[in-house]
Amino acid sequence: MIDKLEVSASALWLTPKEQGVVRIGFADDGRELLGPVQKVSWQVTTGRVHMGTPFLVVSGANEELTLHFPFAGRIIRVNEDLVNHPEWLNDRNDDLDWMVDLIDE
């Protein structure tokens, strides 16, 4: 299992949403590292989090990666459908491969 902050950071994309909200999703670097995604396991889905807090373990055909929050904030939404559809992380589609919306407080 890979559990390093720098690897986690390169596996994420960030995009601003409504005022103060940043959406975090799965980037191409993560797909290349893991191979086809087979399973996701949420580590935290609510509340305030600190930079570096693990939030999702993504298991692929080649490797398993623990993803960490790149900044502190409060979780306002998670893409709970990923548990039943981990394959959504296999292709870049911002409507499907997003993971969490975080508000910077």
PDB file of N, CA and C in Angstrom:
ATOM      1  N   MET A   1       0.837  -1.179   0.000  1.00  0.00           N
ATOM      2  CA  MET A   1       0.000   0.000   0.000  1.00  0.00           C
ATOM      3  C   MET A   1       0.885   1.248   0.000  1.00  0.00           C
ATOM      4  N   ILE A   2       0.518   2.214  -0.793  1.00  0.00           N
ATOM      5  CA  ILE A   2       1.219   3.495  -0.826  1.00  0.00           C
ATOM      6  C   ILE A   2       0.464   4.459   0.076  1.00  0.00           C
ATOM      7  N   ASP A   3       1.162   5.026   1.039  1.00  0.00           N
ATOM      8  CA  ASP A   3       0.548   5.949   1.983  1.00  0.00           C
ATOM      9  C   ASP A   3       1.493   7.133   2.188  1.00  0.00           C
ATOM     10  N   LYS A   4       1.800   7.837   1.090  1.00  0.00           N
ATOM     11  CA  LYS A   4       2.704   8.977   1.142  1.00  0.00           C
ATOM     12  C   LYS A   4       1.960  10.221   0.664  1.00  0.00           C
ATOM     13  N   LEU A   5       2.126  11.316   1.392  1.00  0.00           N
ATOM     14  CA  LEU A   5       1.424  12.558   1.055  1.00  0.00           C
ATOM     15  C   LEU A   5       1.732  13.044  -0.352  1.00  0.00           C
ATOM     16  N   GLU A   6       2.997  12.972  -0.765  1.00  0.00           N
ATOM     17  CA  GLU A   6       3.368  13.492  -2.079  1.00  0.00           C
ATOM     18  C   GLU A   6       2.755  12.671  -3.214  1.00  0.00           C
ATOM     19  N   VAL A   7       2.623  11.375  -3.032  1.00  0.00           N
ATOM     20  CA  VAL A   7       1.984  10.528  -4.048  1.00  0.00           C
ATOM     21  C   VAL A   7       0.486  10.817  -4.074  1.00  0.00           C
ATOM     22  N   SER A   8      -0.088  10.971  -2.901  1.00  0.00           N
ATOM     23  CA  SER A   8      -1.509  11.302  -2.799  1.00  0.00           C
ATOM     24  C   SER A   8      -1.796  12.612  -3.522  1.00  0.00           C
ATOM     25  N   ALA A   9      -0.971  13.625  -3.298  1.00  0.00           N
ATOM     26  CA  ALA A   9      -1.192  14.943  -3.905  1.00  0.00           C
ATOM     27  C   ALA A   9      -1.157  14.880  -5.429  1.00  0.00           C
ATOM     28  N   SER A  10      -0.263  14.086  -5.997  1.00  0.00           N
ATOM     29  CA  SER A  10      -0.175  14.007  -7.460  1.00  0.00           C
ATOM     30  C   SER A  10      -1.332  13.204  -8.053  1.00  0.00           C
ATOM     31  N   ALA A  11      -2.057  12.454  -7.217  1.00  0.00           N
ATOM     32  CA  ALA A  11      -3.183  11.644  -7.693  1.00  0.00           C
ATOM     33  C   ALA A  11      -4.505  12.404  -7.627  1.00  0.00           C
ATOM     34  N   LEU A  12      -4.466  13.689  -7.226  1.00  0.00           N
ATOM     35  CA  LEU A  12      -5.690  14.463  -7.051  1.00  0.00           C
ATOM     36  C   LEU A  12      -5.764  15.644  -8.013  1.00  0.00           C
ATOM     37  N   TRP A  13      -6.991  15.979  -8.428  1.00  0.00           N
ATOM     38  CA  TRP A  13      -7.226  17.268  -9.084  1.00  0.00           C
ATOM     39  C   TRP A  13      -8.116  18.086  -8.165  1.00  0.00           C
ATOM     40  N   LEU A  14      -7.972  19.398  -8.248  1.00  0.00           N
ATOM     41  CA  LEU A  14      -8.747  20.330  -7.434  1.00  0.00           C
ATOM     42  C   LEU A  14      -9.394  21.347  -8.355  1.00  0.00           C
ATOM     43  N   THR A  15     -10.644  21.669  -8.103  1.00  0.00           N
ATOM     44  CA  THR A  15     -11.309  22.700  -8.882  1.00  0.00           C
ATOM     45  C   THR A  15     -12.248  23.482  -7.974  1.00  0.00           C
ATOM     46  N   PRO A  16     -12.259  24.811  -8.109  1.00  0.00           N
ATOM     47  CA  PRO A  16     -13.180  25.600  -7.285  1.00  0.00           C
ATOM     48  C   PRO A  16     -14.618  25.397  -7.735  1.00  0.00           C
ATOM     49  N   LYS A  17     -15.508  25.339  -6.764  1.00  0.00           N
ATOM     50  CA  LYS A  17     -16.947  25.259  -7.028  1.00  0.00           C
ATOM     51  C   LYS A  17     -17.563  26.570  -6.553  1.00  0.00           C
ATOM     52  N   GLU A  18     -18.690  26.506  -5.856  1.00  0.00           N
ATOM     53  CA  GLU A  18     -19.281  27.723  -5.308  1.00  0.00           C
ATOM     54  C   GLU A  18     -18.337  28.358  -4.289  1.00  0.00           C
ATOM     55  N   GLN A  19     -18.678  29.531  -3.824  1.00  0.00           N
ATOM     56  CA  GLN A  19     -17.833  30.336  -2.950  1.00  0.00           C
ATOM     57  C   GLN A  19     -17.196  29.530  -1.817  1.00  0.00           C
ATOM     58  N   GLY A  20     -15.871  29.443  -1.824  1.00  0.00           N
ATOM     59  CA  GLY A  20     -15.132  28.803  -0.755  1.00  0.00           C
ATOM     60  C   GLY A  20     -15.064  27.286  -0.800  1.00  0.00           C
ATOM     61  N   VAL A  21     -15.702  26.672  -1.800  1.00  0.00           N
ATOM     62  CA  VAL A  21     -15.747  25.211  -1.896  1.00  0.00           C
ATOM     63  C   VAL A  21     -14.783  24.738  -2.989  1.00  0.00           C
ATOM     64  N   VAL A  22     -14.005  23.713  -2.647  1.00  0.00           N
ATOM     65  CA  VAL A  22     -13.097  23.094  -3.616  1.00  0.00           C
ATOM     66  C   VAL A  22     -13.501  21.637  -3.772  1.00  0.00           C
ATOM     67  N   ARG A  23     -13.653  21.215  -5.028  1.00  0.00           N
ATOM     68  CA  ARG A  23     -13.954  19.815  -5.335  1.00  0.00           C
ATOM     69  C   ARG A  23     -12.636  19.091  -5.581  1.00  0.00           C
ATOM     70  N   ILE A  24     -12.514  17.908  -4.984  1.00  0.00           N
ATOM     71  CA  ILE A  24     -11.313  17.082  -5.123  1.00  0.00           C
ATOM     72  C   ILE A  24     -11.699  15.827  -5.887  1.00  0.00           C
ATOM     73  N   GLY A  25     -10.905  15.502  -6.899  1.00  0.00           N
ATOM     74  CA  GLY A  25     -11.174  14.326  -7.711  1.00  0.00           C
ATOM     75  C   GLY A  25      -9.912  13.530  -7.982  1.00  0.00           C
ATOM     76  N   PHE A  26     -10.071  12.462  -8.739  1.00  0.00           N
ATOM     77  CA  PHE A  26      -8.974  11.525  -9.017  1.00  0.00           C
ATOM     78  C   PHE A  26      -8.308  11.886 -10.339  1.00  0.00           C
ATOM     79  N   ALA A  27      -7.012  12.142 -10.297  1.00  0.00           N
ATOM     80  CA  ALA A  27      -6.260  12.611 -11.463  1.00  0.00           C
ATOM     81  C   ALA A  27      -5.606  11.466 -12.233  1.00  0.00           C
ATOM     82  N   ASP A  28      -5.133  11.796 -13.430  1.00  0.00           N
ATOM     83  CA  ASP A  28      -4.504  10.814 -14.309  1.00  0.00           C
ATOM     84  C   ASP A  28      -3.295  10.135 -13.669  1.00  0.00           C
ATOM     85  N   ASP A  29      -2.521  10.858 -12.859  1.00  0.00           N
ATOM     86  CA  ASP A  29      -1.359  10.241 -12.205  1.00  0.00           C
ATOM     87  C   ASP A  29      -1.790   9.074 -11.308  1.00  0.00           C
ATOM     88  N   GLY A  30      -2.915   9.207 -10.646  1.00  0.00           N
ATOM     89  CA  GLY A  30      -3.431   8.120  -9.815  1.00  0.00           C
ATOM     90  C   GLY A  30      -3.844   6.924 -10.637  1.00  0.00           C
ATOM     91  N   ARG A  31      -4.496   7.193 -11.765  1.00  0.00           N
ATOM     92  CA  ARG A  31      -4.918   6.098 -12.652  1.00  0.00           C
ATOM     93  C   ARG A  31      -3.722   5.328 -13.193  1.00  0.00           C
ATOM     94  N   GLU A  32      -2.667   6.057 -13.578  1.00  0.00           N
ATOM     95  CA  GLU A  32      -1.471   5.402 -14.114  1.00  0.00           C
ATOM     96  C   GLU A  32      -0.790   4.541 -13.055  1.00  0.00           C
ATOM     97  N   LEU A  33      -0.770   5.024 -11.836  1.00  0.00           N
ATOM     98  CA  LEU A  33      -0.110   4.300 -10.750  1.00  0.00           C
ATOM     99  C   LEU A  33      -0.869   3.035 -10.356  1.00  0.00           C
ATOM    100  N   LEU A  34      -2.190   3.133 -10.257  1.00  0.00           N
ATOM    101  CA  LEU A  34      -2.989   2.034  -9.711  1.00  0.00           C
ATOM    102  C   LEU A  34      -3.458   1.014 -10.731  1.00  0.00           C
ATOM    103  N   GLY A  35      -3.599   1.420 -11.988  1.00  0.00           N
ATOM    104  CA  GLY A  35      -4.249   0.550 -12.956  1.00  0.00           C
ATOM    105  C   GLY A  35      -5.753   0.637 -12.750  1.00  0.00           C
ATOM    106  N   PRO A  36      -6.527  -0.223 -13.366  1.00  0.00           N
ATOM    107  CA  PRO A  36      -7.985  -0.164 -13.214  1.00  0.00           C
ATOM    108  C   PRO A  36      -8.404  -0.236 -11.743  1.00  0.00           C
ATOM    109  N   VAL A  37      -9.237   0.724 -11.336  1.00  0.00           N
ATOM    110  CA  VAL A  37      -9.708   0.790  -9.952  1.00  0.00           C
ATOM    111  C   VAL A  37     -10.745  -0.303  -9.724  1.00  0.00           C
ATOM    112  N   GLN A  38     -10.565  -1.013  -8.610  1.00  0.00           N
ATOM    113  CA  GLN A  38     -11.450  -2.125  -8.280  1.00  0.00           C
ATOM    114  C   GLN A  38     -12.285  -1.884  -7.035  1.00  0.00           C
ATOM    115  N   LYS A  39     -11.800  -1.007  -6.133  1.00  0.00           N
ATOM    116  CA  LYS A  39     -12.500  -0.811  -4.868  1.00  0.00           C
ATOM    117  C   LYS A  39     -12.082   0.517  -4.255  1.00  0.00           C
ATOM    118  N   VAL A  40     -13.016   1.166  -3.558  1.00  0.00           N
ATOM    119  CA  VAL A  40     -12.697   2.343  -2.756  1.00  0.00           C
ATOM    120  C   VAL A  40     -13.254   2.132  -1.348  1.00  0.00           C
ATOM    121  N   SER A  41     -12.542   2.677  -0.370  1.00  0.00           N
ATOM    122  CA  SER A  41     -12.973   2.582   1.033  1.00  0.00           C
ATOM    123  C   SER A  41     -12.820   3.960   1.674  1.00  0.00           C
ATOM    124  N   TRP A  42     -13.932   4.549   2.070  1.00  0.00           N
ATOM    125  CA  TRP A  42     -13.908   5.853   2.731  1.00  0.00           C
ATOM    126  C   TRP A  42     -13.281   5.717   4.111  1.00  0.00           C
ATOM    127  N   GLN A  43     -12.412   6.656   4.450  1.00  0.00           N
ATOM    128  CA  GLN A  43     -11.792   6.711   5.770  1.00  0.00           C
ATOM    129  C   GLN A  43     -12.483   7.757   6.640  1.00  0.00           C
ATOM    130  N   VAL A  44     -13.005   8.821   6.021  1.00  0.00           N
ATOM    131  CA  VAL A  44     -13.728   9.874   6.716  1.00  0.00           C
ATOM    132  C   VAL A  44     -14.699  10.497   5.708  1.00  0.00           C
ATOM    133  N   THR A  45     -15.924  10.781   6.143  1.00  0.00           N
ATOM    134  CA  THR A  45     -16.927  11.325   5.217  1.00  0.00           C
ATOM    135  C   THR A  45     -17.636  12.567   5.747  1.00  0.00           C
ATOM    136  N   THR A  46     -17.373  12.963   6.981  1.00  0.00           N
ATOM    137  CA  THR A  46     -18.034  14.133   7.552  1.00  0.00           C
ATOM    138  C   THR A  46     -17.080  14.889   8.460  1.00  0.00           C
ATOM    139  N   GLY A  47     -17.435  16.142   8.721  1.00  0.00           N
ATOM    140  CA  GLY A  47     -16.737  16.921   9.731  1.00  0.00           C
ATOM    141  C   GLY A  47     -15.540  17.698   9.235  1.00  0.00           C
ATOM    142  N   ARG A  48     -14.847  18.273  10.199  1.00  0.00           N
ATOM    143  CA  ARG A  48     -13.633  19.040   9.921  1.00  0.00           C
ATOM    144  C   ARG A  48     -12.453  18.081   9.763  1.00  0.00           C
ATOM    145  N   VAL A  49     -11.560  18.438   8.853  1.00  0.00           N
ATOM    146  CA  VAL A  49     -10.366  17.625   8.620  1.00  0.00           C
ATOM    147  C   VAL A  49      -9.137  18.529   8.573  1.00  0.00           C
ATOM    148  N   HIS A  50      -8.009  17.958   8.848  1.00  0.00           N
ATOM    149  CA  HIS A  50      -6.737  18.668   8.794  1.00  0.00           C
ATOM    150  C   HIS A  50      -6.009  18.302   7.508  1.00  0.00           C
ATOM    151  N   MET A  51      -5.106  19.150   7.092  1.00  0.00           N
ATOM    152  CA  MET A  51      -4.255  18.811   5.964  1.00  0.00           C
ATOM    153  C   MET A  51      -3.533  17.507   6.294  1.00  0.00           C
ATOM    154  N   GLY A  52      -3.559  16.569   5.374  1.00  0.00           N
ATOM    155  CA  GLY A  52      -2.901  15.285   5.576  1.00  0.00           C
ATOM    156  C   GLY A  52      -3.793  14.194   6.126  1.00  0.00           C
ATOM    157  N   THR A  53      -5.028  14.538   6.511  1.00  0.00           N
ATOM    158  CA  THR A  53      -5.957  13.516   7.002  1.00  0.00           C
ATOM    159  C   THR A  53      -6.280  12.527   5.888  1.00  0.00           C
ATOM    160  N   PRO A  54      -6.109  11.218   6.109  1.00  0.00           N
ATOM    161  CA  PRO A  54      -6.490  10.237   5.089  1.00  0.00           C
ATOM    162  C   PRO A  54      -8.010  10.234   4.917  1.00  0.00           C
ATOM    163  N   PHE A  55      -8.466  10.228   3.643  1.00  0.00           N
ATOM    164  CA  PHE A  55      -9.914  10.233   3.441  1.00  0.00           C
ATOM    165  C   PHE A  55     -10.423   9.099   2.566  1.00  0.00           C
ATOM    166  N   LEU A  56      -9.591   8.505   1.735  1.00  0.00           N
ATOM    167  CA  LEU A  56     -10.073   7.449   0.848  1.00  0.00           C
ATOM    168  C   LEU A  56      -8.927   6.518   0.493  1.00  0.00           C
ATOM    169  N   VAL A  57      -9.181   5.212   0.543  1.00  0.00           N
ATOM    170  CA  VAL A  57      -8.222   4.218   0.054  1.00  0.00           C
ATOM    171  C   VAL A  57      -8.768   3.723  -1.280  1.00  0.00           C
ATOM    172  N   VAL A  58      -7.931   3.851  -2.314  1.00  0.00           N
ATOM    173  CA  VAL A  58      -8.315   3.426  -3.657  1.00  0.00           C
ATOM    174  C   VAL A  58      -7.470   2.209  -4.020  1.00  0.00           C
ATOM    175  N   SER A  59      -8.140   1.091  -4.321  1.00  0.00           N
ATOM    176  CA  SER A  59      -7.449  -0.155  -4.669  1.00  0.00           C
ATOM    177  C   SER A  59      -7.588  -0.386  -6.163  1.00  0.00           C
ATOM    178  N   GLY A  60      -6.434  -0.546  -6.804  1.00  0.00           N
ATOM    179  CA  GLY A  60      -6.421  -0.822  -8.231  1.00  0.00           C
ATOM    180  C   GLY A  60      -5.822  -2.179  -8.513  1.00  0.00           C
ATOM    181  N   ALA A  61      -5.738  -2.521  -9.785  1.00  0.00           N
ATOM    182  CA  ALA A  61      -5.177  -3.805 -10.191  1.00  0.00           C
ATOM    183  C   ALA A  61      -3.695  -3.915  -9.837  1.00  0.00           C
ATOM    184  N   ASN A  62      -2.973  -2.759  -9.809  1.00  0.00           N
ATOM    185  CA  ASN A  62      -1.536  -2.777  -9.581  1.00  0.00           C
ATOM    186  C   ASN A  62      -1.108  -2.409  -8.167  1.00  0.00           C
ATOM    187  N   GLU A  63      -1.915  -1.609  -7.489  1.00  0.00           N
ATOM    188  CA  GLU A  63      -1.474  -1.030  -6.218  1.00  0.00           C
ATOM    189  C   GLU A  63      -2.676  -0.514  -5.438  1.00  0.00           C
ATOM    190  N   GLU A  64      -2.427  -0.144  -4.187  1.00  0.00           N
ATOM    191  CA  GLU A  64      -3.447   0.474  -3.336  1.00  0.00           C
ATOM    192  C   GLU A  64      -2.864   1.784  -2.814  1.00  0.00           C
ATOM    193  N   LEU A  65      -3.673   2.841  -2.840  1.00  0.00           N
ATOM    194  CA  LEU A  65      -3.200   4.173  -2.488  1.00  0.00           C
ATOM    195  C   LEU A  65      -4.137   4.816  -1.475  1.00  0.00           C
ATOM    196  N   THR A  66      -3.561   5.337  -0.389  1.00  0.00           N
ATOM    197  CA  THR A  66      -4.326   6.114   0.572  1.00  0.00           C
ATOM    198  C   THR A  66      -4.240   7.578   0.165  1.00  0.00           C
ATOM    199  N   LEU A  67      -5.406   8.210  -0.045  1.00  0.00           N
ATOM    200  CA  LEU A  67      -5.463   9.617  -0.425  1.00  0.00           C
ATOM    201  C   LEU A  67      -5.646  10.476   0.820  1.00  0.00           C
ATOM    202  N   HIS A  68      -4.944  11.616   0.850  1.00  0.00           N
ATOM    203  CA  HIS A  68      -4.956  12.530   1.992  1.00  0.00           C
ATOM    204  C   HIS A  68      -5.443  13.900   1.542  1.00  0.00           C
ATOM    205  N   PHE A  69      -6.126  14.608   2.444  1.00  0.00           N
ATOM    206  CA  PHE A  69      -6.577  15.949   2.116  1.00  0.00           C
ATOM    207  C   PHE A  69      -5.377  16.872   1.919  1.00  0.00           C
ATOM    208  N   PRO A  70      -5.392  17.664   0.817  1.00  0.00           N
ATOM    209  CA  PRO A  70      -4.275  18.569   0.538  1.00  0.00           C
ATOM    210  C   PRO A  70      -4.346  19.875   1.324  1.00  0.00           C
ATOM    211  N   PHE A  71      -5.444  20.132   2.039  1.00  0.00           N
ATOM    212  CA  PHE A  71      -5.585  21.302   2.897  1.00  0.00           C
ATOM    213  C   PHE A  71      -6.675  21.017   3.931  1.00  0.00           C
ATOM    214  N   ALA A  72      -6.743  21.850   4.952  1.00  0.00           N
ATOM    215  CA  ALA A  72      -7.732  21.676   6.014  1.00  0.00           C
ATOM    216  C   ALA A  72      -9.062  22.293   5.610  1.00  0.00           C
ATOM    217  N   GLY A  73     -10.131  21.814   6.201  1.00  0.00           N
ATOM    218  CA  GLY A  73     -11.448  22.371   5.930  1.00  0.00           C
ATOM    219  C   GLY A  73     -12.534  21.491   6.516  1.00  0.00           C
ATOM    220  N   ARG A  74     -13.740  21.672   6.006  1.00  0.00           N
ATOM    221  CA  ARG A  74     -14.883  20.885   6.455  1.00  0.00           C
ATOM    222  C   ARG A  74     -15.516  20.204   5.244  1.00  0.00           C
ATOM    223  N   ILE A  75     -15.760  18.917   5.375  1.00  0.00           N
ATOM    224  CA  ILE A  75     -16.401  18.147   4.303  1.00  0.00           C
ATOM    225  C   ILE A  75     -17.857  18.586   4.208  1.00  0.00           C
ATOM    226  N   ILE A  76     -18.296  18.928   2.985  1.00  0.00           N
ATOM    227  CA  ILE A  76     -19.708  19.261   2.809  1.00  0.00           C
ATOM    228  C   ILE A  76     -20.428  18.261   1.911  1.00  0.00           C
ATOM    229  N   ARG A  77     -19.683  17.512   1.100  1.00  0.00           N
ATOM    230  CA  ARG A  77     -20.282  16.479   0.235  1.00  0.00           C
ATOM    231  C   ARG A  77     -19.232  15.431  -0.093  1.00  0.00           C
ATOM    232  N   VAL A  78     -19.668  14.175  -0.162  1.00  0.00           N
ATOM    233  CA  VAL A  78     -18.807  13.109  -0.680  1.00  0.00           C
ATOM    234  C   VAL A  78     -19.565  12.385  -1.784  1.00  0.00           C
ATOM    235  N   ASN A  79     -18.831  11.831  -2.705  1.00  0.00           N
ATOM    236  CA  ASN A  79     -19.415  11.067  -3.802  1.00  0.00           C
ATOM    237  C   ASN A  79     -19.564   9.620  -3.330  1.00  0.00           C
ATOM    238  N   GLU A  80     -20.633   9.370  -2.565  1.00  0.00           N
ATOM    239  CA  GLU A  80     -20.852   8.046  -1.982  1.00  0.00           C
ATOM    240  C   GLU A  80     -21.085   6.972  -3.034  1.00  0.00           C
ATOM    241  N   ASP A  81     -21.472   7.359  -4.247  1.00  0.00           N
ATOM    242  CA  ASP A  81     -21.704   6.397  -5.319  1.00  0.00           C
ATOM    243  C   ASP A  81     -20.434   5.664  -5.746  1.00  0.00           C
ATOM    244  N   LEU A  82     -19.263   6.210  -5.391  1.00  0.00           N
ATOM    245  CA  LEU A  82     -18.007   5.558  -5.775  1.00  0.00           C
ATOM    246  C   LEU A  82     -17.851   4.174  -5.156  1.00  0.00           C
ATOM    247  N   VAL A  83     -18.450   3.950  -4.008  1.00  0.00           N
ATOM    248  CA  VAL A  83     -18.357   2.633  -3.370  1.00  0.00           C
ATOM    249  C   VAL A  83     -18.970   1.572  -4.279  1.00  0.00           C
ATOM    250  N   ASN A  84     -20.093   1.882  -4.903  1.00  0.00           N
ATOM    251  CA  ASN A  84     -20.751   0.934  -5.809  1.00  0.00           C
ATOM    252  C   ASN A  84     -20.252   1.026  -7.238  1.00  0.00           C
ATOM    253  N   HIS A  85     -19.545   2.109  -7.563  1.00  0.00           N
ATOM    254  CA  HIS A  85     -19.040   2.316  -8.926  1.00  0.00           C
ATOM    255  C   HIS A  85     -17.588   2.786  -8.909  1.00  0.00           C
ATOM    256  N   PRO A  86     -16.666   1.988  -8.358  1.00  0.00           N
ATOM    257  CA  PRO A  86     -15.265   2.414  -8.331  1.00  0.00           C
ATOM    258  C   PRO A  86     -14.683   2.591  -9.727  1.00  0.00           C
ATOM    259  N   GLU A  87     -15.276   1.948 -10.711  1.00  0.00           N
ATOM    260  CA  GLU A  87     -14.800   2.067 -12.097  1.00  0.00           C
ATOM    261  C   GLU A  87     -14.936   3.495 -12.627  1.00  0.00           C
ATOM    262  N   TRP A  88     -15.759   4.330 -11.998  1.00  0.00           N
ATOM    263  CA  TRP A  88     -15.875   5.729 -12.415  1.00  0.00           C
ATOM    264  C   TRP A  88     -14.534   6.456 -12.301  1.00  0.00           C
ATOM    265  N   LEU A  89     -13.641   5.950 -11.463  1.00  0.00           N
ATOM    266  CA  LEU A  89     -12.331   6.578 -11.303  1.00  0.00           C
ATOM    267  C   LEU A  89     -11.356   6.203 -12.411  1.00  0.00           C
ATOM    268  N   ASN A  90     -11.739   5.297 -13.287  1.00  0.00           N
ATOM    269  CA  ASN A  90     -10.828   4.836 -14.345  1.00  0.00           C
ATOM    270  C   ASN A  90     -10.688   5.812 -15.498  1.00  0.00           C
ATOM    271  N   ASP A  91     -11.609   6.739 -15.648  1.00  0.00           N
ATOM    272  CA  ASP A  91     -11.575   7.696 -16.751  1.00  0.00           C
ATOM    273  C   ASP A  91     -11.837   9.095 -16.228  1.00  0.00           C
ATOM    274  N   ARG A  92     -11.215  10.082 -16.850  1.00  0.00           N
ATOM    275  CA  ARG A  92     -11.435  11.473 -16.443  1.00  0.00           C
ATOM    276  C   ARG A  92     -12.833  11.897 -16.870  1.00  0.00           C
ATOM    277  N   ASN A  93     -13.662  12.161 -15.905  1.00  0.00           N
ATOM    278  CA  ASN A  93     -15.004  12.681 -16.112  1.00  0.00           C
ATOM    279  C   ASN A  93     -15.364  13.409 -14.824  1.00  0.00           C
ATOM    280  N   ASP A  94     -15.265  14.733 -14.834  1.00  0.00           N
ATOM    281  CA  ASP A  94     -15.431  15.515 -13.617  1.00  0.00           C
ATOM    282  C   ASP A  94     -16.785  15.306 -12.946  1.00  0.00           C
ATOM    283  N   ASP A  95     -17.779  14.858 -13.692  1.00  0.00           N
ATOM    284  CA  ASP A  95     -19.091  14.606 -13.108  1.00  0.00           C
ATOM    285  C   ASP A  95     -19.141  13.281 -12.350  1.00  0.00           C
ATOM    286  N   LEU A  96     -18.209  12.371 -12.638  1.00  0.00           N
ATOM    287  CA  LEU A  96     -18.211  11.050 -12.008  1.00  0.00           C
ATOM    288  C   LEU A  96     -17.007  10.805 -11.099  1.00  0.00           C
ATOM    289  N   ASP A  97     -15.821  11.274 -11.489  1.00  0.00           N
ATOM    290  CA  ASP A  97     -14.608  10.902 -10.756  1.00  0.00           C
ATOM    291  C   ASP A  97     -14.254  11.862  -9.623  1.00  0.00           C
ATOM    292  N   TRP A  98     -15.205  12.730  -9.261  1.00  0.00           N
ATOM    293  CA  TRP A  98     -14.967  13.585  -8.086  1.00  0.00           C
ATOM    294  C   TRP A  98     -15.174  12.738  -6.835  1.00  0.00           C
ATOM    295  N   MET A  99     -14.502  13.163  -5.771  1.00  0.00           N
ATOM    296  CA  MET A  99     -14.541  12.403  -4.527  1.00  0.00           C
ATOM    297  C   MET A  99     -15.233  13.170  -3.403  1.00  0.00           C
ATOM    298  N   VAL A 100     -14.810  14.405  -3.202  1.00  0.00           N
ATOM    299  CA  VAL A 100     -15.278  15.153  -2.029  1.00  0.00           C
ATOM    300  C   VAL A 100     -15.268  16.647  -2.322  1.00  0.00           C
ATOM    301  N   ASP A 101     -16.228  17.355  -1.729  1.00  0.00           N
ATOM    302  CA  ASP A 101     -16.251  18.821  -1.733  1.00  0.00           C
ATOM    303  C   ASP A 101     -15.872  19.277  -0.341  1.00  0.00           C
ATOM    304  N   LEU A 102     -14.889  20.168  -0.279  1.00  0.00           N
ATOM    305  CA  LEU A 102     -14.345  20.638   0.985  1.00  0.00           C
ATOM    306  C   LEU A 102     -14.431  22.159   1.022  1.00  0.00           C
ATOM    307  N   ILE A 103     -14.912  22.696   2.140  1.00  0.00           N
ATOM    308  CA  ILE A 103     -14.974  24.143   2.298  1.00  0.00           C
ATOM    309  C   ILE A 103     -13.847  24.572   3.224  1.00  0.00           C
ATOM    310  N   ASP A 104     -13.133  25.599   2.808  1.00  0.00           N
ATOM    311  CA  ASP A 104     -12.017  26.119   3.592  1.00  0.00           C
ATOM    312  C   ASP A 104     -12.574  27.038   4.669  1.00  0.00           C
ATOM    313  N   GLU A 105     -12.469  26.618   5.920  1.00  0.00           N
ATOM    314  CA  GLU A 105     -12.984  27.425   7.034  1.00  0.00           C
ATOM    315  C   GLU A 105     -11.867  27.918   7.913  1.00  0.00           C
TER     316      GLU A 105
END
